[in-house]
Amino acid sequence: MSSRLAILASGEGTTAEVCIRAAHSGSVNFTVPLVICSRRQAGIFARIERLNQELGLAIECVLVNATTHPAANGETIQTGQQTTA
């Protein structure tokens, strides 16, 4: 049974593509069902859509950042810190 790997990305996704292609070809023993990105305009979203179509995959690519997951009411977060959630 292969492991499942989530990829964290913030840019164009060239490294993610290499991992996904390696997993698809069977040269590594993992699958990539999820890519998480912190930047709405990152090229990784289009890249994952293209790879899904080209390779017949169903990789989910989601945006997770301070806008999609804001701090709790009254919680003050400085850049580089995590929320208590």
PDB file of N, CA and C in Angstrom:
ATOM      1  N   MET A   1       0.842  -1.181   0.000  1.00  0.00           N
ATOM      2  CA  MET A   1       0.000   0.000   0.000  1.00  0.00           C
ATOM      3  C   MET A   1       0.883   1.239   0.000  1.00  0.00           C
ATOM      4  N   SER A   2       0.591   2.175  -0.887  1.00  0.00           N
ATOM      5  CA  SER A   2       1.413   3.377  -0.961  1.00  0.00           C
ATOM      6  C   SER A   2       0.910   4.441   0.018  1.00  0.00           C
ATOM      7  N   SER A   3       1.822   5.309   0.398  1.00  0.00           N
ATOM      8  CA  SER A   3       1.481   6.421   1.286  1.00  0.00           C
ATOM      9  C   SER A   3       0.778   7.510   0.495  1.00  0.00           C
ATOM     10  N   ARG A   4       0.036   8.342   1.215  1.00  0.00           N
ATOM     11  CA  ARG A   4      -0.622   9.493   0.599  1.00  0.00           C
ATOM     12  C   ARG A   4       0.109  10.742   1.057  1.00  0.00           C
ATOM     13  N   LEU A   5       0.473  11.593   0.112  1.00  0.00           N
ATOM     14  CA  LEU A   5       1.285  12.775   0.381  1.00  0.00           C
ATOM     15  C   LEU A   5       0.515  14.027  -0.003  1.00  0.00           C
ATOM     16  N   ALA A   6       0.394  14.977   0.910  1.00  0.00           N
ATOM     17  CA  ALA A   6      -0.160  16.291   0.591  1.00  0.00           C
ATOM     18  C   ALA A   6       1.008  17.230   0.344  1.00  0.00           C
ATOM     19  N   ILE A   7       0.891  18.036  -0.688  1.00  0.00           N
ATOM     20  CA  ILE A   7       1.961  18.966  -1.050  1.00  0.00           C
ATOM     21  C   ILE A   7       1.535  20.375  -0.669  1.00  0.00           C
ATOM     22  N   LEU A   8       2.440  21.123  -0.017  1.00  0.00           N
ATOM     23  CA  LEU A   8       2.220  22.527   0.299  1.00  0.00           C
ATOM     24  C   LEU A   8       2.934  23.353  -0.768  1.00  0.00           C
ATOM     25  N   ALA A   9       2.219  24.285  -1.384  1.00  0.00           N
ATOM     26  CA  ALA A   9       2.785  25.067  -2.478  1.00  0.00           C
ATOM     27  C   ALA A   9       2.420  26.535  -2.328  1.00  0.00           C
ATOM     28  N   SER A  10       3.223  27.391  -2.975  1.00  0.00           N
ATOM     29  CA  SER A  10       2.896  28.818  -2.972  1.00  0.00           C
ATOM     30  C   SER A  10       3.209  29.481  -4.307  1.00  0.00           C
ATOM     31  N   GLY A  11       3.713  28.720  -5.258  1.00  0.00           N
ATOM     32  CA  GLY A  11       4.118  29.312  -6.525  1.00  0.00           C
ATOM     33  C   GLY A  11       3.582  28.582  -7.734  1.00  0.00           C
ATOM     34  N   GLU A  12       4.461  28.346  -8.688  1.00  0.00           N
ATOM     35  CA  GLU A  12       4.066  27.751  -9.964  1.00  0.00           C
ATOM     36  C   GLU A  12       3.831  26.243  -9.880  1.00  0.00           C
ATOM     37  N   GLY A  13       4.449  25.574  -8.932  1.00  0.00           N
ATOM     38  CA  GLY A  13       4.196  24.157  -8.744  1.00  0.00           C
ATOM     39  C   GLY A  13       5.086  23.225  -9.545  1.00  0.00           C
ATOM     40  N   THR A  14       6.273  23.686  -9.955  1.00  0.00           N
ATOM     41  CA  THR A  14       7.151  22.824 -10.746  1.00  0.00           C
ATOM     42  C   THR A  14       7.631  21.621  -9.935  1.00  0.00           C
ATOM     43  N   THR A  15       7.965  21.826  -8.681  1.00  0.00           N
ATOM     44  CA  THR A  15       8.396  20.709  -7.836  1.00  0.00           C
ATOM     45  C   THR A  15       7.231  19.766  -7.576  1.00  0.00           C
ATOM     46  N   ALA A  16       6.052  20.317  -7.348  1.00  0.00           N
ATOM     47  CA  ALA A  16       4.862  19.486  -7.145  1.00  0.00           C
ATOM     48  C   ALA A  16       4.610  18.623  -8.372  1.00  0.00           C
ATOM     49  N   GLU A  17       4.786  19.194  -9.564  1.00  0.00           N
ATOM     50  CA  GLU A  17       4.564  18.420 -10.786  1.00  0.00           C
ATOM     51  C   GLU A  17       5.528  17.246 -10.881  1.00  0.00           C
ATOM     52  N   VAL A  18       6.774  17.453 -10.523  1.00  0.00           N
ATOM     53  CA  VAL A  18       7.754  16.361 -10.553  1.00  0.00           C
ATOM     54  C   VAL A  18       7.316  15.242  -9.614  1.00  0.00           C
ATOM     55  N   CYS A  19       6.867  15.593  -8.416  1.00  0.00           N
ATOM     56  CA  CYS A  19       6.399  14.580  -7.459  1.00  0.00           C
ATOM     57  C   CYS A  19       5.171  13.846  -7.987  1.00  0.00           C
ATOM     58  N   ILE A  20       4.234  14.579  -8.565  1.00  0.00           N
ATOM     59  CA  ILE A  20       3.003  13.979  -9.080  1.00  0.00           C
ATOM     60  C   ILE A  20       3.299  13.047 -10.245  1.00  0.00           C
ATOM     61  N   ARG A  21       4.167  13.472 -11.149  1.00  0.00           N
ATOM     62  CA  ARG A  21       4.530  12.616 -12.289  1.00  0.00           C
ATOM     63  C   ARG A  21       5.268  11.363 -11.826  1.00  0.00           C
ATOM     64  N   ALA A  22       6.141  11.496 -10.830  1.00  0.00           N
ATOM     65  CA  ALA A  22       6.854  10.332 -10.292  1.00  0.00           C
ATOM     66  C   ALA A  22       5.867   9.354  -9.651  1.00  0.00           C
ATOM     67  N   ALA A  23       4.898   9.895  -8.923  1.00  0.00           N
ATOM     68  CA  ALA A  23       3.887   9.029  -8.296  1.00  0.00           C
ATOM     69  C   ALA A  23       3.038   8.342  -9.358  1.00  0.00           C
ATOM     70  N   HIS A  24       2.656   9.079 -10.377  1.00  0.00           N
ATOM     71  CA  HIS A  24       1.820   8.522 -11.440  1.00  0.00           C
ATOM     72  C   HIS A  24       2.544   7.413 -12.211  1.00  0.00           C
ATOM     73  N   SER A  25       3.841   7.583 -12.416  1.00  0.00           N
ATOM     74  CA  SER A  25       4.613   6.588 -13.164  1.00  0.00           C
ATOM     75  C   SER A  25       4.960   5.363 -12.326  1.00  0.00           C
ATOM     76  N   GLY A  26       4.804   5.478 -10.999  1.00  0.00           N
ATOM     77  CA  GLY A  26       5.121   4.356 -10.119  1.00  0.00           C
ATOM     78  C   GLY A  26       6.575   4.315  -9.682  1.00  0.00           C
ATOM     79  N   SER A  27       7.331   5.350 -10.005  1.00  0.00           N
ATOM     80  CA  SER A  27       8.742   5.343  -9.615  1.00  0.00           C
ATOM     81  C   SER A  27       8.950   5.691  -8.145  1.00  0.00           C
ATOM     82  N   VAL A  28       7.913   6.159  -7.477  1.00  0.00           N
ATOM     83  CA  VAL A  28       7.935   6.359  -6.022  1.00  0.00           C
ATOM     84  C   VAL A  28       6.686   5.698  -5.444  1.00  0.00           C
ATOM     85  N   ASN A  29       6.738   5.391  -4.171  1.00  0.00           N
ATOM     86  CA  ASN A  29       5.641   4.652  -3.540  1.00  0.00           C
ATOM     87  C   ASN A  29       4.738   5.580  -2.729  1.00  0.00           C
ATOM     88  N   PHE A  30       4.146   6.565  -3.406  1.00  0.00           N
ATOM     89  CA  PHE A  30       3.158   7.415  -2.769  1.00  0.00           C
ATOM     90  C   PHE A  30       2.212   7.972  -3.825  1.00  0.00           C
ATOM     91  N   THR A  31       1.058   8.448  -3.362  1.00  0.00           N
ATOM     92  CA  THR A  31       0.117   9.152  -4.226  1.00  0.00           C
ATOM     93  C   THR A  31      -0.038  10.574  -3.694  1.00  0.00           C
ATOM     94  N   VAL A  32      -0.499  11.471  -4.548  1.00  0.00           N
ATOM     95  CA  VAL A  32      -0.698  12.864  -4.161  1.00  0.00           C
ATOM     96  C   VAL A  32      -2.177  13.209  -4.376  1.00  0.00           C
ATOM     97  N   PRO A  33      -3.004  13.066  -3.335  1.00  0.00           N
ATOM     98  CA  PRO A  33      -4.414  13.392  -3.497  1.00  0.00           C
ATOM     99  C   PRO A  33      -4.749  14.860  -3.229  1.00  0.00           C
ATOM    100  N   LEU A  34      -3.791  15.610  -2.635  1.00  0.00           N
ATOM    101  CA  LEU A  34      -4.098  16.968  -2.183  1.00  0.00           C
ATOM    102  C   LEU A  34      -2.902  17.884  -2.324  1.00  0.00           C
ATOM    103  N   VAL A  35      -3.162  19.091  -2.838  1.00  0.00           N
ATOM    104  CA  VAL A  35      -2.176  20.174  -2.857  1.00  0.00           C
ATOM    105  C   VAL A  35      -2.815  21.358  -2.141  1.00  0.00           C
ATOM    106  N   ILE A  36      -2.088  21.943  -1.200  1.00  0.00           N
ATOM    107  CA  ILE A  36      -2.567  23.099  -0.436  1.00  0.00           C
ATOM    108  C   ILE A  36      -1.702  24.287  -0.818  1.00  0.00           C
ATOM    109  N   CYS A  37      -2.344  25.380  -1.190  1.00  0.00           N
ATOM    110  CA  CYS A  37      -1.618  26.567  -1.616  1.00  0.00           C
ATOM    111  C   CYS A  37      -2.044  27.766  -0.785  1.00  0.00           C
ATOM    112  N   SER A  38      -1.108  28.669  -0.519  1.00  0.00           N
ATOM    113  CA  SER A  38      -1.391  29.847   0.303  1.00  0.00           C
ATOM    114  C   SER A  38      -1.632  31.110  -0.521  1.00  0.00           C
ATOM    115  N   ARG A  39      -1.416  31.064  -1.820  1.00  0.00           N
ATOM    116  CA  ARG A  39      -1.576  32.257  -2.663  1.00  0.00           C
ATOM    117  C   ARG A  39      -2.641  32.025  -3.733  1.00  0.00           C
ATOM    118  N   ARG A  40      -3.665  32.870  -3.731  1.00  0.00           N
ATOM    119  CA  ARG A  40      -4.802  32.727  -4.651  1.00  0.00           C
ATOM    120  C   ARG A  40      -4.369  32.757  -6.117  1.00  0.00           C
ATOM    121  N   GLN A  41      -3.409  33.573  -6.470  1.00  0.00           N
ATOM    122  CA  GLN A  41      -2.995  33.739  -7.868  1.00  0.00           C
ATOM    123  C   GLN A  41      -1.852  32.809  -8.284  1.00  0.00           C
ATOM    124  N   ALA A  42      -1.483  31.869  -7.464  1.00  0.00           N
ATOM    125  CA  ALA A  42      -0.361  30.971  -7.763  1.00  0.00           C
ATOM    126  C   ALA A  42      -0.666  30.098  -8.979  1.00  0.00           C
ATOM    127  N   GLY A  43       0.351  29.830  -9.761  1.00  0.00           N
ATOM    128  CA  GLY A  43       0.201  29.017 -10.955  1.00  0.00           C
ATOM    129  C   GLY A  43      -0.095  27.553 -10.687  1.00  0.00           C
ATOM    130  N   ILE A  44       0.077  27.111  -9.452  1.00  0.00           N
ATOM    131  CA  ILE A  44      -0.156  25.709  -9.116  1.00  0.00           C
ATOM    132  C   ILE A  44      -1.594  25.283  -9.405  1.00  0.00           C
ATOM    133  N   PHE A  45      -2.548  26.188  -9.280  1.00  0.00           N
ATOM    134  CA  PHE A  45      -3.950  25.834  -9.519  1.00  0.00           C
ATOM    135  C   PHE A  45      -4.165  25.395 -10.964  1.00  0.00           C
ATOM    136  N   ALA A  46      -3.643  26.163 -11.908  1.00  0.00           N
ATOM    137  CA  ALA A  46      -3.763  25.799 -13.326  1.00  0.00           C
ATOM    138  C   ALA A  46      -2.949  24.547 -13.631  1.00  0.00           C
ATOM    139  N   ARG A  47      -1.792  24.416 -13.007  1.00  0.00           N
ATOM    140  CA  ARG A  47      -0.939  23.253 -13.242  1.00  0.00           C
ATOM    141  C   ARG A  47      -1.628  21.971 -12.788  1.00  0.00           C
ATOM    142  N   ILE A  48      -2.256  21.994 -11.614  1.00  0.00           N
ATOM    143  CA  ILE A  48      -2.953  20.805 -11.114  1.00  0.00           C
ATOM    144  C   ILE A  48      -4.142  20.475 -12.004  1.00  0.00           C
ATOM    145  N   GLU A  49      -4.867  21.486 -12.449  1.00  0.00           N
ATOM    146  CA  GLU A  49      -5.991  21.247 -13.359  1.00  0.00           C
ATOM    147  C   GLU A  49      -5.507  20.570 -14.648  1.00  0.00           C
ATOM    148  N   ARG A  50      -4.404  21.056 -15.185  1.00  0.00           N
ATOM    149  CA  ARG A  50      -3.837  20.481 -16.408  1.00  0.00           C
ATOM    150  C   ARG A  50      -3.368  19.043 -16.171  1.00  0.00           C
ATOM    151  N   LEU A  51      -2.674  18.800 -15.057  1.00  0.00           N
ATOM    152  CA  LEU A  51      -2.195  17.448 -14.750  1.00  0.00           C
ATOM    153  C   LEU A  51      -3.357  16.488 -14.531  1.00  0.00           C
ATOM    154  N   ASN A  52      -4.404  16.942 -13.860  1.00  0.00           N
ATOM    155  CA  ASN A  52      -5.580  16.092 -13.668  1.00  0.00           C
ATOM    156  C   ASN A  52      -6.158  15.648 -15.011  1.00  0.00           C
ATOM    157  N   GLN A  53      -6.272  16.576 -15.948  1.00  0.00           N
ATOM    158  CA  GLN A  53      -6.812  16.246 -17.272  1.00  0.00           C
ATOM    159  C   GLN A  53      -5.853  15.350 -18.051  1.00  0.00           C
ATOM    160  N   GLU A  54      -4.585  15.713 -18.057  1.00  0.00           N
ATOM    161  CA  GLU A  54      -3.587  14.968 -18.836  1.00  0.00           C
ATOM    162  C   GLU A  54      -3.395  13.545 -18.338  1.00  0.00           C
ATOM    163  N   LEU A  55      -3.350  13.371 -17.014  1.00  0.00           N
ATOM    164  CA  LEU A  55      -3.023  12.067 -16.437  1.00  0.00           C
ATOM    165  C   LEU A  55      -4.243  11.313 -15.905  1.00  0.00           C
ATOM    166  N   GLY A  56      -5.419  11.915 -16.019  1.00  0.00           N
ATOM    167  CA  GLY A  56      -6.626  11.260 -15.517  1.00  0.00           C
ATOM    168  C   GLY A  56      -6.656  11.164 -13.998  1.00  0.00           C
ATOM    169  N   LEU A  57      -6.149  12.188 -13.331  1.00  0.00           N
ATOM    170  CA  LEU A  57      -6.094  12.201 -11.870  1.00  0.00           C
ATOM    171  C   LEU A  57      -7.240  13.028 -11.301  1.00  0.00           C
ATOM    172  N   ALA A  58      -7.363  13.020 -10.003  1.00  0.00           N
ATOM    173  CA  ALA A  58      -8.382  13.822  -9.314  1.00  0.00           C
ATOM    174  C   ALA A  58      -7.764  14.495  -8.096  1.00  0.00           C
ATOM    175  N   ILE A  59      -6.633  15.152  -8.311  1.00  0.00           N
ATOM    176  CA  ILE A  59      -5.941  15.833  -7.215  1.00  0.00           C
ATOM    177  C   ILE A  59      -6.725  17.093  -6.856  1.00  0.00           C
ATOM    178  N   GLU A  60      -7.004  17.256  -5.583  1.00  0.00           N
ATOM    179  CA  GLU A  60      -7.689  18.451  -5.108  1.00  0.00           C
ATOM    180  C   GLU A  60      -6.636  19.515  -4.790  1.00  0.00           C
ATOM    181  N   CYS A  61      -6.864  20.740  -5.238  1.00  0.00           N
ATOM    182  CA  CYS A  61      -5.957  21.851  -4.958  1.00  0.00           C
ATOM    183  C   CYS A  61      -6.760  22.926  -4.239  1.00  0.00           C
ATOM    184  N   VAL A  62      -6.409  23.188  -2.983  1.00  0.00           N
ATOM    185  CA  VAL A  62      -7.192  24.109  -2.166  1.00  0.00           C
ATOM    186  C   VAL A  62      -6.360  25.291  -1.692  1.00  0.00           C
ATOM    187  N   LEU A  63      -7.047  26.405  -1.518  1.00  0.00           N
ATOM    188  CA  LEU A  63      -6.437  27.621  -0.998  1.00  0.00           C
ATOM    189  C   LEU A  63      -6.649  27.672   0.508  1.00  0.00           C
ATOM    190  N   VAL A  64      -5.563  27.830   1.244  1.00  0.00           N
ATOM    191  CA  VAL A  64      -5.636  27.971   2.696  1.00  0.00           C
ATOM    192  C   VAL A  64      -4.721  29.123   3.081  1.00  0.00           C
ATOM    193  N   ASN A  65      -5.315  30.189   3.590  1.00  0.00           N
ATOM    194  CA  ASN A  65      -4.528  31.340   4.038  1.00  0.00           C
ATOM    195  C   ASN A  65      -5.331  32.122   5.075  1.00  0.00           C
ATOM    196  N   ALA A  66      -4.856  33.297   5.446  1.00  0.00           N
ATOM    197  CA  ALA A  66      -5.519  34.092   6.481  1.00  0.00           C
ATOM    198  C   ALA A  66      -6.893  34.582   6.042  1.00  0.00           C
ATOM    199  N   THR A  67      -7.146  34.652   4.747  1.00  0.00           N
ATOM    200  CA  THR A  67      -8.459  35.061   4.257  1.00  0.00           C
ATOM    201  C   THR A  67      -9.451  33.912   4.347  1.00  0.00           C
ATOM    202  N   THR A  68      -9.029  32.723   3.966  1.00  0.00           N
ATOM    203  CA  THR A  68      -9.929  31.565   3.993  1.00  0.00           C
ATOM    204  C   THR A  68     -10.095  30.993   5.393  1.00  0.00           C
ATOM    205  N   HIS A  69      -9.107  31.208   6.240  1.00  0.00           N
ATOM    206  CA  HIS A  69      -9.133  30.688   7.612  1.00  0.00           C
ATOM    207  C   HIS A  69      -8.640  31.789   8.564  1.00  0.00           C
ATOM    208  N   PRO A  70      -9.483  32.797   8.806  1.00  0.00           N
ATOM    209  CA  PRO A  70      -9.051  33.931   9.628  1.00  0.00           C
ATOM    210  C   PRO A  70      -8.885  33.563  11.098  1.00  0.00           C
ATOM    211  N   ALA A  71      -8.175  34.434  11.798  1.00  0.00           N
ATOM    212  CA  ALA A  71      -7.999  34.257  13.240  1.00  0.00           C
ATOM    213  C   ALA A  71      -9.344  34.419  13.942  1.00  0.00           C
ATOM    214  N   ALA A  72      -9.446  33.842  15.107  1.00  0.00           N
ATOM    215  CA  ALA A  72     -10.670  33.952  15.903  1.00  0.00           C
ATOM    216  C   ALA A  72     -10.879  35.394  16.352  1.00  0.00           C
ATOM    217  N   ASN A  73     -12.121  35.750  16.646  1.00  0.00           N
ATOM    218  CA  ASN A  73     -12.425  37.091  17.158  1.00  0.00           C
ATOM    219  C   ASN A  73     -11.572  37.389  18.377  1.00  0.00           C
ATOM    220  N   GLY A  74     -10.929  38.537  18.356  1.00  0.00           N
ATOM    221  CA  GLY A  74     -10.096  38.951  19.477  1.00  0.00           C
ATOM    222  C   GLY A  74      -8.682  38.409  19.444  1.00  0.00           C
ATOM    223  N   GLU A  75      -8.391  37.520  18.519  1.00  0.00           N
ATOM    224  CA  GLU A  75      -7.056  36.934  18.426  1.00  0.00           C
ATOM    225  C   GLU A  75      -6.184  37.806  17.526  1.00  0.00           C
ATOM    226  N   THR A  76      -5.024  38.194  18.017  1.00  0.00           N
ATOM    227  CA  THR A  76      -4.096  39.008  17.235  1.00  0.00           C
ATOM    228  C   THR A  76      -2.954  38.123  16.767  1.00  0.00           C
ATOM    229  N   ILE A  77      -2.745  38.108  15.464  1.00  0.00           N
ATOM    230  CA  ILE A  77      -1.702  37.262  14.878  1.00  0.00           C
ATOM    231  C   ILE A  77      -0.713  38.143  14.117  1.00  0.00           C
ATOM    232  N   GLN A  78       0.557  37.961  14.388  1.00  0.00           N
ATOM    233  CA  GLN A  78       1.598  38.660  13.644  1.00  0.00           C
ATOM    234  C   GLN A  78       2.065  37.762  12.514  1.00  0.00           C
ATOM    235  N   THR A  79       2.594  38.366  11.470  1.00  0.00           N
ATOM    236  CA  THR A  79       3.104  37.607  10.332  1.00  0.00           C
ATOM    237  C   THR A  79       4.097  36.555  10.813  1.00  0.00           C
ATOM    238  N   GLY A  80       3.899  35.328  10.320  1.00  0.00           N
ATOM    239  CA  GLY A  80       4.778  34.241  10.698  1.00  0.00           C
ATOM    240  C   GLY A  80       4.300  33.427  11.893  1.00  0.00           C
ATOM    241  N   GLN A  81       3.230  33.863  12.533  1.00  0.00           N
ATOM    242  CA  GLN A  81       2.687  33.127  13.672  1.00  0.00           C
ATOM    243  C   GLN A  81       1.436  32.358  13.256  1.00  0.00           C
ATOM    244  N   GLN A  82       1.097  31.349  14.030  1.00  0.00           N
ATOM    245  CA  GLN A  82      -0.101  30.564  13.775  1.00  0.00           C
ATOM    246  C   GLN A  82      -1.224  30.988  14.695  1.00  0.00           C
ATOM    247  N   THR A  83      -2.450  30.712  14.266  1.00  0.00           N
ATOM    248  CA  THR A  83      -3.594  30.965  15.136  1.00  0.00           C
ATOM    249  C   THR A  83      -3.679  29.846  16.164  1.00  0.00           C
ATOM    250  N   THR A  84      -4.489  30.051  17.194  1.00  0.00           N
ATOM    251  CA  THR A  84      -4.636  29.010  18.209  1.00  0.00           C
ATOM    252  C   THR A  84      -5.465  27.848  17.695  1.00  0.00           C
ATOM    253  N   ALA A  85      -6.239  28.078  16.643  1.00  0.00           N
ATOM    254  CA  ALA A  85      -7.046  26.999  16.060  1.00  0.00           C
ATOM    255  C   ALA A  85      -6.118  26.023  15.437  1.00  0.00           C
TER     256      ALA A  85
END
